């Protein structure tokens, strides 16, 4: 749980490119998956390391690729400036490989992959083919669904080839526009990239039942190629936060139905929605912001999410929230903003499935206004309507209608919501409503194109000025960025108030990039450090701003001129990626601050449901205080892994103690993970 303004109150594979004396390395062969493939190589314009960079080959190898022992001529062109400690081959040297070994922890179901043709690229010249037979240690928990396309990954030692191959039987399987192929060095540097790549293998010649997915590790740390895995797990977190009747396709199986009578005191159905953090409360203010962040991620990163086959899961996460928000808005000037008594809830340590604390329903209306809550919910509905507009037209229209009504509600009845719902004041007090209304107007203009909302953005007294954070209680940066998009696209003139919006957005970007007048503090390990309590929520939102703004700059061929330098689109995305890398394990503690990613992650996050044995294993109900005695004070790791959760994070010196009672640093919340969905999609796309 978070309190007060800004919460201050109360790569997949280890790679080797080297000769190996053994003819091959074979993993435990519970099941064999055979494939005959030909890969054509060409001149590689990069540093090649002929000596071992993977010296720790041990008996834990779980998969290998056996290559017929023939020489592979590779022309090494040492044109890059090398500071590597390893010895680099001289330019033009030819050397042979008897075996290329790929080590990977893989997951596969009994299956057969058959490729009977050559995968080619227009950028790869003809060379000797490799006959490949991978032998994979099978595991039973592969989840394969019937998609119409799939990324095919062929890893040969240090060289990673990726192609998107259609699974549909079409006349011509070469008509693919989004394929890609890349070749990587052992140290992860990109050598070769070309889009599109059209595989010559026709879809009807390929049978695909299952594919193993692996991940690279350095101890407990996570390699950048785990972005896709982190993206998948971040969406699982939202399933763990679900309130209400769980669906049949619920993937987090330690959770059960909960709070099935929410709203009954007000004779309204308020079941569903999300618990905000490690408690069992449904706070509408942060839930609406979470929804807006998920929707923004979906709107800006649609193709990236589709490429990682997570777009439907993002939409499902959004819809779980918007279905609830629709129910919470039964009349134009009525919005239910909270379910549960926060004080009683925090006095107990109970699973959501069998909590006994009071569940009162709190609302705002014309006599009890809350323009901040109405405005943020309007923004969420408008953004979500864009996410669904090409998927479910009727649902998108419903969302947009609610957004319009809520905006008018907030405009006609100003005020901060926690004065109408004082029970929320000690947990999510609002600093004002002007930012939410600007934020809502920006989203409604984007969703409708209606000049009315643009006029509102112009007529308000200010643009928010320079901001230090973007978060559940401060939306000015978001509004500034959305208006900046209009400026960059030439839809509004870069003068007057529109120019002021853009200048403020640029200032925030410059400060994050350490090129402004009031730069964001960074920890010694490189983490953007905004505030002591739950800092990673601010890092996550700033990273989403950086990623989306980089897209806007790239599309407009623009840059940001800062007081101490010029920032290109790539600079912004690289900074966002650096923050993701830190969160996922590239930090002084080599710890992933995403739960369940890697091996070294927080085992005791401050979370009631995760810290108490699952109701599926022990259905005995615990009393309010019994949970504190049996579980809260228990030093053992949580019995349920809260996969995909992101904790509050380290302090300003990169220190972190994995203690359940430290809610300032160890409590995950939905408002932190939601923006990370978009950032992870963006950076995962870079590595695809």
Foldseek 3Di string as FASTA:
>chain_A
DAFDDVRPPPAQWQFWQEADPDLWDAAPFPDWAFEWEWEFAAEFAAWAFHDTPPPPDDNPFFKWKGWAQDFFWYFYHHPDDDPDPGDTDDGRDTDGYSAFTIGWQWEKDHDYKYFDDYFDFPVGDGTGIITITMRGDYDHDFDDDDDQKDWDWDDGGQFIFIFIWGQDQDPARQPDFATKTWTAHSVGDTGDIDPDGGTPGGNVRIDDDITIGGADDDAQFGDLSCLLVLLVLQLLLLLVFKAAQRDPPNPQPLDHHFPPCAPVVVPFGQTFFGDFWQWLKQFLLLSLLLLLLLLVLCLLLVVLCVNSPCLVSSLVSNCRHVVNQLRQPPDLFKGWGIWFQVVQRVLFQFARHDDDGHTDIFMAGQVQDALQSLLSNLLSLLSSLSSCCVPDVVSSVSSNVSSVSSLVNSVVRPDHRCVRVVSCNGGDGAPGRPLSSLSSLLSNCVRPVDVVSVVVNVPDPALQAADLFDFSRGPSLVSLLSLVLCCLVVVDDCDDRSVVSPVNNLQNLCLPLVQADNHFAAAPFGARARDQFLRLLRLLVQLLSLLSSLVSCVVSVHWRQHNRGIGHSVSSLVSSSSNCSCCRQSGPVSERLFWPRGDHYQQQFQHSNQQDRRCVVPVDGDDGCRCCVPTLPDPDGGPHTSGSFGFSADGSNRDDDSHNVPRRGRMGGSSSSSSVSSSSSSSVVVVD
